[in-house]
N, C-alpha and C. Protein backbone atom coordinates (compact mmCIF):
# COMPACT_ATOMS: atom_id res chain seq x y z
N MET A 1 12.47 -3.46 -28.06
CA MET A 1 12.66 -3.94 -26.94
C MET A 1 11.18 -5.26 -26.65
N THR A 2 12.24 -6.13 -26.18
CA THR A 2 10.79 -7.56 -26.37
C THR A 2 10.14 -7.46 -25.20
N ILE A 3 8.93 -7.42 -24.47
CA ILE A 3 8.06 -7.80 -23.21
C ILE A 3 7.95 -9.49 -22.67
N GLN A 4 8.61 -9.60 -22.15
CA GLN A 4 8.09 -10.72 -21.66
C GLN A 4 6.77 -10.53 -20.20
N HIS A 5 5.49 -10.73 -20.77
CA HIS A 5 4.42 -11.12 -20.08
C HIS A 5 4.35 -12.74 -19.27
N THR A 6 3.79 -12.32 -17.65
CA THR A 6 4.14 -13.16 -16.50
C THR A 6 2.95 -13.72 -16.24
N VAL A 7 2.02 -14.49 -15.52
CA VAL A 7 1.12 -14.22 -14.85
C VAL A 7 1.37 -15.83 -14.03
N VAL A 8 1.45 -15.66 -12.65
CA VAL A 8 1.01 -16.78 -11.44
C VAL A 8 -0.06 -16.19 -11.13
N PHE A 9 -0.85 -18.16 -10.53
CA PHE A 9 -2.06 -17.71 -10.65
C PHE A 9 -2.57 -18.96 -9.99
N ARG A 10 -3.79 -19.27 -9.36
CA ARG A 10 -3.60 -20.58 -7.97
C ARG A 10 -5.23 -20.31 -8.94
N LEU A 11 -5.60 -21.80 -9.31
CA LEU A 11 -6.99 -21.84 -9.70
C LEU A 11 -7.93 -22.45 -8.03
N VAL A 12 -9.22 -22.75 -8.61
CA VAL A 12 -10.31 -23.26 -7.77
C VAL A 12 -10.46 -24.58 -7.53
N HIS A 13 -9.61 -25.10 -8.97
CA HIS A 13 -9.56 -26.84 -8.97
C HIS A 13 -8.68 -27.52 -7.79
N GLU A 14 -8.73 -28.55 -7.33
CA GLU A 14 -7.44 -29.37 -6.90
C GLU A 14 -6.67 -29.47 -7.39
N ALA A 15 -5.22 -29.67 -7.14
CA ALA A 15 -4.43 -29.98 -8.06
C ALA A 15 -4.46 -31.54 -8.19
N GLY A 16 -3.57 -31.57 -9.04
CA GLY A 16 -4.10 -33.10 -10.24
C GLY A 16 -5.10 -33.21 -11.16
N SER A 17 -6.46 -32.33 -10.46
CA SER A 17 -7.33 -32.69 -10.82
C SER A 17 -7.54 -32.61 -12.16
N ALA A 18 -8.96 -33.73 -13.06
CA ALA A 18 -8.89 -33.55 -14.45
C ALA A 18 -9.10 -31.95 -14.69
N GLU A 19 -10.04 -31.22 -13.73
CA GLU A 19 -10.34 -29.97 -13.59
C GLU A 19 -8.65 -28.91 -14.31
N GLU A 20 -7.94 -29.15 -13.03
CA GLU A 20 -7.29 -27.85 -13.57
C GLU A 20 -6.17 -28.85 -15.07
N ARG A 21 -5.83 -29.94 -15.34
CA ARG A 21 -5.35 -30.40 -16.37
C ARG A 21 -6.06 -29.70 -17.55
N GLU A 22 -7.03 -29.69 -17.60
CA GLU A 22 -8.04 -29.23 -18.63
C GLU A 22 -8.24 -27.51 -19.40
N PHE A 23 -7.91 -27.19 -17.93
CA PHE A 23 -7.51 -25.65 -17.33
C PHE A 23 -6.54 -25.27 -18.22
N LEU A 24 -5.15 -25.74 -17.76
CA LEU A 24 -3.86 -25.61 -18.42
C LEU A 24 -3.99 -25.96 -20.23
N ALA A 25 -4.08 -27.13 -20.07
CA ALA A 25 -4.62 -27.55 -21.65
C ALA A 25 -5.20 -26.25 -22.57
N THR A 26 -6.06 -26.18 -21.99
CA THR A 26 -7.12 -25.21 -22.45
C THR A 26 -6.16 -23.80 -22.96
N GLY A 27 -5.74 -23.23 -21.91
CA GLY A 27 -4.87 -22.07 -21.66
C GLY A 27 -3.96 -21.91 -22.92
N ARG A 28 -3.03 -23.30 -22.81
CA ARG A 28 -1.86 -23.27 -23.84
C ARG A 28 -2.47 -23.51 -25.39
N ALA A 29 -3.91 -23.71 -25.41
CA ALA A 29 -4.38 -24.47 -26.98
C ALA A 29 -4.79 -22.61 -27.53
N VAL A 30 -4.93 -21.67 -25.97
CA VAL A 30 -6.32 -20.85 -26.67
C VAL A 30 -4.79 -19.78 -26.95
N LEU A 31 -4.10 -19.24 -26.12
CA LEU A 31 -3.25 -18.46 -25.61
C LEU A 31 -2.33 -18.52 -26.97
N THR A 32 -1.50 -19.98 -27.80
CA THR A 32 -0.43 -19.94 -28.23
C THR A 32 -1.06 -19.74 -29.87
N SER A 33 -2.56 -19.75 -29.86
CA SER A 33 -3.01 -19.50 -31.12
C SER A 33 -3.19 -18.21 -31.57
N ILE A 34 -2.64 -17.36 -30.54
CA ILE A 34 -2.84 -15.74 -30.74
C ILE A 34 -1.70 -15.51 -31.30
N PRO A 35 -1.55 -14.58 -32.44
CA PRO A 35 -0.15 -13.88 -33.11
C PRO A 35 0.31 -13.08 -32.52
N GLY A 36 1.56 -13.44 -32.33
CA GLY A 36 2.82 -12.57 -31.67
C GLY A 36 3.08 -13.27 -30.02
N VAL A 37 2.27 -14.41 -29.92
CA VAL A 37 2.50 -15.16 -28.81
C VAL A 37 3.80 -15.92 -29.18
N GLU A 38 4.49 -15.98 -28.36
CA GLU A 38 6.08 -16.31 -28.52
C GLU A 38 6.30 -17.20 -27.03
N ASP A 39 7.58 -18.36 -27.09
CA ASP A 39 7.96 -18.54 -26.14
C ASP A 39 7.07 -18.92 -24.92
N PHE A 40 5.84 -19.41 -25.28
CA PHE A 40 5.38 -20.29 -24.11
C PHE A 40 5.40 -20.76 -23.41
N ALA A 41 5.13 -20.41 -22.10
CA ALA A 41 5.69 -21.78 -20.67
C ALA A 41 4.60 -22.14 -19.66
N ILE A 42 4.06 -23.15 -19.61
CA ILE A 42 3.11 -22.80 -18.32
C ILE A 42 4.09 -23.69 -17.37
N ARG A 43 4.30 -23.39 -16.02
CA ARG A 43 5.18 -24.03 -15.10
C ARG A 43 4.28 -24.33 -13.97
N ARG A 44 5.72 -24.78 -12.77
CA ARG A 44 4.20 -24.60 -11.57
C ARG A 44 5.31 -24.59 -10.39
N GLN A 45 4.53 -23.76 -9.56
CA GLN A 45 5.78 -23.30 -8.56
C GLN A 45 5.42 -24.04 -7.25
N VAL A 46 7.32 -24.07 -7.36
CA VAL A 46 7.59 -25.22 -5.46
C VAL A 46 7.54 -24.68 -4.56
N SER A 47 7.74 -23.49 -4.44
CA SER A 47 8.45 -23.09 -3.13
C SER A 47 7.00 -22.64 -2.13
N PRO A 48 7.13 -23.02 -0.91
CA PRO A 48 6.14 -22.64 0.16
C PRO A 48 6.17 -21.29 0.47
N LYS A 49 7.20 -20.39 -0.42
CA LYS A 49 6.82 -19.41 0.10
C LYS A 49 5.19 -18.47 -0.80
N SER A 50 4.98 -18.81 -1.43
CA SER A 50 3.83 -18.73 -2.25
C SER A 50 2.35 -19.59 -2.20
N ASP A 51 1.11 -19.00 -2.04
CA ASP A 51 0.16 -19.85 -2.55
C ASP A 51 -0.06 -19.91 -4.31
N LEU A 52 0.42 -18.93 -5.14
CA LEU A 52 0.42 -19.36 -6.02
C LEU A 52 0.60 -20.56 -6.70
N GLU A 53 -0.03 -21.16 -7.86
CA GLU A 53 0.65 -22.78 -8.10
C GLU A 53 1.18 -22.59 -9.36
N HIS A 54 0.99 -21.77 -10.33
CA HIS A 54 1.24 -22.07 -11.61
C HIS A 54 1.60 -21.05 -12.46
N GLN A 55 2.54 -20.88 -13.81
CA GLN A 55 2.97 -19.68 -13.88
C GLN A 55 2.22 -19.79 -16.21
N PHE A 56 1.96 -19.11 -16.18
CA PHE A 56 1.71 -18.45 -17.57
C PHE A 56 2.94 -17.63 -18.05
N SER A 57 4.08 -17.92 -19.06
CA SER A 57 4.79 -16.57 -19.51
C SER A 57 4.72 -17.02 -20.81
N MET A 58 5.07 -15.68 -21.21
CA MET A 58 5.14 -15.87 -23.07
C MET A 58 6.03 -14.39 -23.15
N VAL A 59 6.15 -14.46 -24.71
CA VAL A 59 7.08 -12.99 -25.00
C VAL A 59 6.91 -12.55 -26.09
N PHE A 60 6.75 -11.11 -26.23
CA PHE A 60 6.42 -10.65 -27.13
C PHE A 60 7.76 -9.56 -27.50
N GLN A 61 7.54 -9.53 -29.30
CA GLN A 61 9.01 -8.89 -29.63
C GLN A 61 8.36 -7.08 -29.51
N ASP A 62 7.07 -6.81 -29.31
CA ASP A 62 7.46 -5.27 -28.54
C ASP A 62 6.46 -4.78 -28.14
N VAL A 63 5.74 -3.99 -28.24
CA VAL A 63 4.58 -3.25 -27.15
C VAL A 63 3.14 -3.47 -28.42
N GLY A 64 3.77 -3.19 -29.94
CA GLY A 64 2.22 -3.69 -30.53
C GLY A 64 1.80 -4.76 -30.04
N ALA A 65 2.90 -6.00 -30.31
CA ALA A 65 2.61 -7.08 -30.53
C ALA A 65 1.79 -7.72 -28.63
N TYR A 66 2.43 -6.91 -27.91
CA TYR A 66 1.60 -7.44 -26.41
C TYR A 66 0.42 -6.52 -26.81
N ARG A 67 -0.18 -5.32 -26.92
CA ARG A 67 -1.31 -4.79 -27.25
C ARG A 67 -2.40 -5.56 -28.15
N ALA A 68 -1.64 -6.30 -29.13
CA ALA A 68 -2.64 -6.70 -29.91
C ALA A 68 -3.02 -8.32 -29.58
N TYR A 69 -1.88 -8.87 -28.27
CA TYR A 69 -2.65 -9.84 -27.69
C TYR A 69 -3.71 -10.00 -26.80
N ASN A 70 -3.86 -8.49 -26.07
CA ASN A 70 -4.57 -8.25 -24.71
C ASN A 70 -5.59 -7.99 -25.51
N GLU A 71 -5.82 -7.54 -26.91
CA GLU A 71 -7.66 -6.78 -27.37
C GLU A 71 -7.44 -8.08 -28.21
N HIS A 72 -7.42 -9.26 -28.47
CA HIS A 72 -7.60 -10.28 -28.96
C HIS A 72 -8.34 -10.86 -28.52
N PRO A 73 -9.42 -10.86 -29.43
CA PRO A 73 -11.18 -11.60 -29.02
C PRO A 73 -10.63 -13.19 -28.52
N ALA A 74 -9.59 -13.85 -28.61
CA ALA A 74 -9.43 -14.82 -28.19
C ALA A 74 -8.92 -14.97 -26.69
N HIS A 75 -8.12 -14.17 -26.70
CA HIS A 75 -7.53 -13.52 -25.34
C HIS A 75 -8.97 -12.95 -23.99
N SER A 76 -9.47 -11.89 -24.96
CA SER A 76 -10.81 -11.53 -23.77
C SER A 76 -11.74 -12.75 -23.87
N ALA A 77 -12.18 -13.91 -24.89
CA ALA A 77 -13.19 -14.68 -24.73
C ALA A 77 -12.36 -15.67 -23.56
N PHE A 78 -11.42 -16.05 -23.29
CA PHE A 78 -10.49 -16.75 -22.75
C PHE A 78 -10.33 -15.96 -20.83
N VAL A 79 -10.36 -15.21 -21.46
CA VAL A 79 -10.23 -14.49 -19.79
C VAL A 79 -11.60 -14.42 -18.99
N SER A 80 -12.89 -13.95 -19.78
CA SER A 80 -14.07 -13.91 -19.53
C SER A 80 -14.63 -15.16 -18.99
N GLU A 81 -14.18 -16.33 -19.77
CA GLU A 81 -15.29 -17.30 -19.82
C GLU A 81 -14.57 -18.38 -18.91
N ARG A 82 -13.33 -18.57 -19.22
CA ARG A 82 -12.04 -19.38 -18.20
C ARG A 82 -11.66 -19.17 -17.12
N TRP A 83 -10.97 -17.32 -17.63
CA TRP A 83 -9.82 -17.02 -16.87
C TRP A 83 -11.08 -16.92 -15.14
N VAL A 84 -11.63 -15.92 -15.15
CA VAL A 84 -12.57 -15.30 -14.42
C VAL A 84 -13.23 -15.95 -13.52
N PRO A 85 -14.17 -17.20 -14.03
CA PRO A 85 -14.73 -17.93 -13.62
C PRO A 85 -13.84 -19.28 -12.44
N GLU A 86 -12.47 -19.68 -13.12
CA GLU A 86 -11.36 -20.16 -12.68
C GLU A 86 -9.86 -20.49 -11.28
N VAL A 87 -9.72 -19.12 -11.65
CA VAL A 87 -9.03 -18.96 -11.29
C VAL A 87 -8.68 -17.67 -9.42
N ALA A 88 -8.74 -18.01 -8.59
CA ALA A 88 -8.99 -18.13 -7.00
C ALA A 88 -8.45 -16.59 -7.47
N ALA A 89 -6.82 -16.41 -7.73
CA ALA A 89 -6.11 -15.26 -6.89
C ALA A 89 -4.68 -15.60 -8.58
N PHE A 90 -4.07 -14.17 -8.65
CA PHE A 90 -2.72 -13.85 -9.51
C PHE A 90 -2.71 -12.67 -9.07
N GLN A 91 -1.15 -12.71 -9.49
CA GLN A 91 -0.76 -11.83 -9.70
C GLN A 91 0.45 -11.70 -11.34
N GLU A 92 0.14 -10.36 -11.86
CA GLU A 92 0.42 -10.10 -13.54
C GLU A 92 1.89 -9.27 -12.67
N TYR A 93 2.89 -10.13 -14.08
CA TYR A 93 3.97 -9.05 -14.09
C TYR A 93 4.62 -9.17 -15.59
N ASP A 94 5.03 -7.94 -16.09
CA ASP A 94 5.50 -7.60 -17.56
C ASP A 94 6.68 -7.05 -17.39
N PHE A 95 7.65 -7.34 -18.21
CA PHE A 95 9.01 -7.60 -18.45
C PHE A 95 9.37 -6.59 -19.04
N GLU A 96 9.96 -5.69 -19.71
CA GLU A 96 10.60 -4.99 -20.94
C GLU A 96 12.02 -5.49 -20.78
N GLU A 97 12.75 -5.76 -21.54
CA GLU A 97 14.26 -6.54 -21.53
C GLU A 97 14.40 -5.26 -23.00
C-alpha cells in the first residue's frame, strides 16, 4: 500500500520573501534527493480558513520506504537545521492508499 505524506505549514518568513523562496527550494532539493520519495509537490494554500500557507506532499511505495525517509540523514538534517528554526506552525498527515 502506498503512503501519501503531507505536511502543511507556515514559515516565520514573509510571504514572497527571498527567505521563503530559498526555504522552499532547499526543501525540494533535499527531500527529493532521498531514495523512495515520489511525486513530490510544493503547493500554496489559498483558503482563508487556515493560516498554514504551504504544503509539502510526497508518496512512498510502502511503509518501509516511508520509514527509511524519516530516518535518512538528509531528512534529519533538514528538520534540525531548517525546519525547526524556520517553521512557525505545522500539521502532518500520512494517508495509506
